[in-house]
Amino acid sequence: MRRRNIQLSLLLGVLTLTGLSSCGVDRWPEYYPLTGRDLWIDSVMRQEYLWFESIPSSKKLNYFLEPKTFLKGILSPLDKNYSTVDTLYITPPPSYGFDYTLERMQDNDTAYIALVSYVIPNSPAAESGLQRGEWIMMINGDYLTRKNETLLTKGESRELLIGKYTTIENEEGEKAGVIQSNRTVTLPASRPVEDDVIPAYNVYKNGNLSVGYLVYNNFNTESNSQLLQLSQFYKEHNVTDFILDLRYNAGGEMECVQLLADILVPADKLGSPFASLKYNQKQEAKNRELTLNPQLLQGGSNLNLPKVYILTGTATAAASEMLINCLKPYMTVVLIGSTTKGETVATESFPNNKFLWILRTVVCEVFNSEYEADYAKGFAPDYAVNELSDRAKVLPLGDPNEALLNTALGIINGSTVLPESKSETNMKRTEVKSVKVKRTFRNGLIVKKP
């Protein structure tokens, strides 16, 4: 009998499932600790993955790879990193709790300034009083440079020189935008921070209009009780119009999408079909329909709205896009901001307590009540507005003068038909990069097992 050669070079060799024995000797106990995680991923994907037909045969796979590398090697070209695998327990890394956009200083190629684009509530940045729209001009008495700019992400306590964008009149009588320093803040030491699902909400009165506003950063079931309470709050204020801010919302749980839709839609649409879920041919028994279910509104209220204004950004994706798509058959949806990501599928979570890893894989397509899901390239806004282009309007979320919110309010009250294009001739944008705090929010559209 010819001895089967089991390659000992684990990184280069390819070991098939049937090759775990040699010369009658069972090598499974020896190799399973090295291959078990990938074999588990393989077995789940071949049953549950929407595009399971595209997975290569076992003979062509290397089961000795790190889980993330192995998964990447078997994904369909249609899967734009929607499917993921990670350790089961994830804690947020330490940070100061703010996002920023780094730009070059005028007339100085080596120095930078940082525009604060988001501040996480209850973070060190929030405690220091740092606000969205402010500029960081110096750190610990030094100008920002390529070498020290990373000090803005985490570390010990820092002293920051803060500037504010303002307009002045130059010698020729022309108005020019400048950033002027106005205070110094002490940034506490970094620590793990969690973003708020609902960091801001309000009601704006304008004559007979009562406009509700909600920043919703993640479709998270833990926030459902707050969402229901807020629906009562908006009902008590007799909101006539509603602005839903999803510009930072990259996904979450499908049942939250259903709940928010129940809150927003016209009352006579409750009980109507909402969405259709279509699984692969091995899992056709899971195919199902969702309805606009009034039973989910216990403790809350339906707002009976004919129209909703949704603020979008390039991060708006998945669960947010499902909401937009599934509301369209029943009410007017006006999008303001940037084109969304374009994610038409849902994932399901498969935890493995033995390996302490969790696989989240695409399991189904999601359609609205008219069986449409034609937003693979994202939803283009009805009113295109770059939230950072007009520096005078980069303000805290909820400020009625903030760029996207101001546009929505203007459309509602009739003062703005189209967003005004703002000239930046006085301050040319020289963006270097954008830096965002790593969130523990789940991205994508998450469906639970039926």
Foldseek 3Di string as FASTA:
>chain_A
DDWDDDDPPQVPDQAAPVRCAIPNRRNCVVCCVQQVVLVVVLVCCCQFFQPNVQFDDRRPARRRDDNQVRVVVGDDPLCPVQWGKDFQDDFFFWWQAWWWFWFPDPPDPFFIKIATQDGFPPGLCVVQVDFHLKIFQAKQPHTDGPVCVCVNTFAAKIKTFIWHWDWDADPVRDIFIDTDTDDITIRHGIDGDAGDQWPDWDWDDDPPAIETETEGAELEPVCLLVVQQVQAVCVVSLHQAYEYEHANHQYYEQVSLLLVLLQEFAPVQFVPWQKWKQFHPSPRVQTDTDTSHCVSNVSHHRSRYQEYEYEHHQSRYASNVSSVQRCVVGHHYAYEEAFYPADFFAWEWDADPVVSMIITHTTTGMHYPVRDRPANVGDGGPAYDHQPPPSVQRGHPPPCSRQRNVQVVCVVVVNDPHDDDDDNPNPDTGTDGIDDRDHPHDGHYYYYRD
